[in-house]
Structure formats: C-alpha cells, structure tokens
N, C-alpha and C. Protein backbone atom coordinates (compact mmCIF):
# COMPACT_ATOMS: atom_id res chain seq x y z
N MET A 1 111.52 107.98 126.97
CA MET A 1 112.61 108.91 127.23
C MET A 1 114.09 108.19 127.03
N LYS A 2 114.95 108.75 126.44
CA LYS A 2 116.10 107.96 126.14
C LYS A 2 117.07 108.34 127.44
N GLN A 3 117.82 107.44 127.88
CA GLN A 3 118.73 107.54 128.78
C GLN A 3 119.99 107.00 128.51
N ILE A 4 121.23 107.36 128.79
CA ILE A 4 122.53 107.00 128.42
C ILE A 4 123.16 106.82 129.95
N ILE A 5 123.48 105.67 130.36
CA ILE A 5 124.15 105.24 131.65
C ILE A 5 125.55 104.96 131.53
N PRO A 6 126.47 105.57 132.02
CA PRO A 6 127.78 105.32 131.93
C PRO A 6 128.20 104.13 132.77
N LEU A 7 129.03 103.05 132.46
CA LEU A 7 129.25 101.73 132.98
C LEU A 7 130.66 101.75 133.42
N GLY A 8 131.47 102.74 132.78
CA GLY A 8 132.91 102.84 133.03
C GLY A 8 133.51 103.60 131.97
N LYS A 9 134.89 103.48 131.85
CA LYS A 9 135.64 104.34 130.85
C LYS A 9 135.21 103.71 129.46
N GLY A 10 134.58 104.38 128.70
CA GLY A 10 134.35 104.26 127.45
C GLY A 10 133.23 103.11 127.15
N LYS A 11 132.30 102.92 128.13
CA LYS A 11 131.30 102.03 128.08
C LYS A 11 130.03 102.65 128.67
N PHE A 12 129.10 102.27 127.74
CA PHE A 12 127.87 103.15 128.15
C PHE A 12 126.57 102.28 127.62
N VAL A 13 125.36 102.15 128.32
CA VAL A 13 124.14 101.49 128.09
C VAL A 13 123.10 102.52 127.52
N HIS A 14 122.82 102.32 126.44
CA HIS A 14 121.57 103.23 125.98
C HIS A 14 120.05 102.61 126.38
N LEU A 15 119.45 103.32 126.94
CA LEU A 15 118.15 102.87 127.39
C LEU A 15 116.83 103.62 126.94
N ASP A 16 115.99 103.13 126.23
CA ASP A 16 114.75 103.81 125.73
C ASP A 16 113.66 103.26 126.62
N SER A 17 112.82 104.07 127.34
CA SER A 17 111.77 103.86 128.21
C SER A 17 110.59 104.84 127.73
N TYR A 18 109.47 104.18 127.63
CA TYR A 18 108.17 104.79 127.42
C TYR A 18 107.34 104.68 128.44
N GLY A 19 106.25 105.47 128.21
CA GLY A 19 105.11 105.32 129.64
C GLY A 19 104.31 104.06 129.13
N GLU A 20 103.68 103.70 130.33
CA GLU A 20 103.06 102.67 130.16
C GLU A 20 101.29 103.08 129.56
N VAL A 21 100.98 102.13 128.52
CA VAL A 21 99.68 102.26 127.94
C VAL A 21 98.65 101.37 128.45
N SER A 22 97.58 101.74 128.97
CA SER A 22 96.71 100.73 129.44
C SER A 22 95.74 100.60 128.50
N GLU A 23 95.21 99.46 127.98
CA GLU A 23 94.07 99.29 126.85
C GLU A 23 92.68 99.43 127.97
N THR A 24 91.65 100.13 127.12
CA THR A 24 90.33 100.25 127.76
C THR A 24 89.36 99.22 127.16
N ARG A 25 88.38 99.12 127.82
CA ARG A 25 87.41 98.29 127.32
C ARG A 25 86.41 98.83 126.13
N ARG A 26 86.44 100.16 126.01
CA ARG A 26 86.03 100.84 124.93
C ARG A 26 86.93 100.66 123.80
N GLY A 27 88.16 100.76 123.93
CA GLY A 27 89.06 100.65 122.81
C GLY A 27 89.21 99.12 122.18
N SER A 28 89.02 98.23 122.84
CA SER A 28 88.88 96.84 122.68
C SER A 28 87.53 96.54 121.85
N ILE A 29 86.45 97.33 122.21
CA ILE A 29 85.26 97.11 121.60
C ILE A 29 85.15 97.76 120.27
N ILE A 30 86.00 98.73 120.03
CA ILE A 30 86.01 99.53 118.73
C ILE A 30 86.78 98.55 117.75
N VAL A 31 87.94 98.31 118.27
CA VAL A 31 88.72 97.49 117.67
C VAL A 31 88.34 96.29 117.02
N ALA A 32 87.40 95.56 117.99
CA ALA A 32 86.74 94.32 117.60
C ALA A 32 85.56 94.73 116.60
N ALA A 33 84.88 95.78 116.67
CA ALA A 33 83.88 96.03 115.67
C ALA A 33 84.41 96.33 114.25
N PHE A 34 85.63 97.10 114.38
CA PHE A 34 86.32 97.53 113.18
C PHE A 34 86.80 96.15 112.47
N ALA A 35 87.04 95.23 113.24
CA ALA A 35 87.65 93.93 112.46
C ALA A 35 86.65 93.06 112.28
N MET A 36 85.28 93.15 112.88
CA MET A 36 84.15 92.54 112.16
C MET A 36 83.68 93.20 111.06
N LEU A 37 83.55 94.19 110.97
CA LEU A 37 83.26 95.30 109.74
C LEU A 37 84.19 94.79 108.43
N ILE A 38 85.37 94.75 108.71
CA ILE A 38 86.12 94.50 107.59
C ILE A 38 86.11 93.09 107.29
N SER A 39 85.88 92.13 107.95
CA SER A 39 85.83 90.63 107.81
C SER A 39 84.47 90.53 106.97
N ALA A 40 83.53 91.13 107.39
CA ALA A 40 81.95 91.26 106.84
C ALA A 40 82.14 91.60 105.37
N LEU A 41 82.78 92.75 105.22
CA LEU A 41 83.03 93.11 103.79
C LEU A 41 83.71 92.17 102.92
N THR A 42 85.01 91.71 103.31
CA THR A 42 85.66 90.59 102.76
C THR A 42 85.03 89.51 102.41
N VAL A 43 84.17 88.89 103.29
CA VAL A 43 83.34 87.74 103.16
C VAL A 43 82.14 87.97 102.06
N GLY A 44 81.58 89.24 102.23
CA GLY A 44 80.65 89.51 101.00
C GLY A 44 81.17 89.69 99.55
N ALA A 45 82.76 90.17 99.69
CA ALA A 45 83.32 90.33 98.52
C ALA A 45 83.47 88.98 97.88
N VAL A 46 84.03 88.06 98.65
CA VAL A 46 84.28 86.83 98.18
C VAL A 46 83.19 86.16 97.65
N LEU A 47 81.94 86.13 98.35
CA LEU A 47 80.66 85.50 97.86
C LEU A 47 79.90 86.34 96.54
N GLY A 48 80.36 87.64 96.38
CA GLY A 48 80.09 88.32 95.28
C GLY A 48 78.69 89.09 96.01
N ILE A 49 78.52 89.55 97.03
CA ILE A 49 77.35 90.01 97.53
C ILE A 49 77.76 91.58 97.89
N ASP A 50 76.90 92.55 97.82
CA ASP A 50 77.19 93.83 98.29
C ASP A 50 76.67 93.95 99.43
N ILE A 51 77.16 93.94 100.77
CA ILE A 51 76.50 93.96 101.96
C ILE A 51 76.17 95.46 102.38
N THR A 52 76.97 96.37 101.22
CA THR A 52 76.26 97.80 101.79
C THR A 52 75.10 98.27 101.30
N SER A 53 74.49 97.63 100.49
CA SER A 53 72.88 97.73 99.90
C SER A 53 72.56 96.46 99.81
N PRO A 54 71.98 95.87 100.71
CA PRO A 54 71.53 94.46 100.61
C PRO A 54 70.00 94.33 99.95
N ASN A 55 69.24 95.36 99.85
CA ASN A 55 67.93 95.47 99.25
C ASN A 55 67.83 95.70 97.91
N THR A 56 68.93 95.93 97.25
CA THR A 56 68.77 96.16 95.71
C THR A 56 68.93 94.91 94.96
N THR A 57 67.87 94.86 93.96
CA THR A 57 68.00 93.55 92.99
C THR A 57 68.47 93.82 91.89
N THR A 58 69.37 92.76 91.31
CA THR A 58 70.33 92.86 90.06
C THR A 58 69.72 92.24 89.16
N GLN A 59 69.85 92.63 87.86
CA GLN A 59 69.41 92.31 86.48
C GLN A 59 70.58 91.40 85.87
N HIS A 60 71.70 91.20 86.42
CA HIS A 60 72.57 90.44 86.01
C HIS A 60 73.01 90.83 84.65
N GLY A 61 73.18 92.04 84.45
CA GLY A 61 73.60 92.68 83.12
C GLY A 61 72.57 92.73 82.00
N TYR A 62 71.32 92.14 82.44
CA TYR A 62 70.21 92.05 81.40
C TYR A 62 69.31 93.18 81.53
N PRO A 63 69.13 94.21 80.25
CA PRO A 63 68.18 95.33 80.71
C PRO A 63 66.64 94.54 80.86
N HIS A 64 66.03 95.34 81.47
CA HIS A 64 64.50 94.95 81.92
C HIS A 64 63.53 95.48 80.99
N ARG A 65 62.85 94.59 80.36
CA ARG A 65 62.04 95.03 79.09
C ARG A 65 60.66 94.78 79.86
N THR A 66 59.80 95.84 79.65
CA THR A 66 58.37 95.71 79.78
C THR A 66 57.57 95.40 78.75
N ASP A 67 58.01 95.55 77.50
CA ASP A 67 57.10 95.32 76.15
C ASP A 67 56.96 93.94 75.72
N ARG A 68 56.45 92.93 76.48
CA ARG A 68 56.54 91.58 76.01
C ARG A 68 55.11 91.29 75.57
C-alpha cells in the first residue's frame, strides 16, 4: 500500500508497504527439489549423459549391422 505522509509545507515522505509473506516448509521443499532437478540435468549435460532416459543404449553414430 502506498502512503504519502506530509512533514511540513512542501515536504512529503512516500512509503510503500507490503504484507508480510512467510515461507512454508512445503514451499521450501518444492524449491529445493526444483533446484536439484535443474542441477542434475546440468551435470548430466556437462558429462554428456541423458538422464531423462538412462536405459537407452547408444551406438555412437554407427549403424548396427547384423549380417557379419
């Protein structure tokens, strides 16, 4: 809420006040989980690992041939 308080002739103080917001335990846990998810994706990208599908096997660009 914005308030204008007169201090004298031609002198005013402008105040902005906001309601108090308290952090909840659930909110802190959600933020921590989101931060860990982003950091895991970043570390995986740096190492060249796709953590979203860890069970896939890669052929590193070489086609799989079965006629040997």
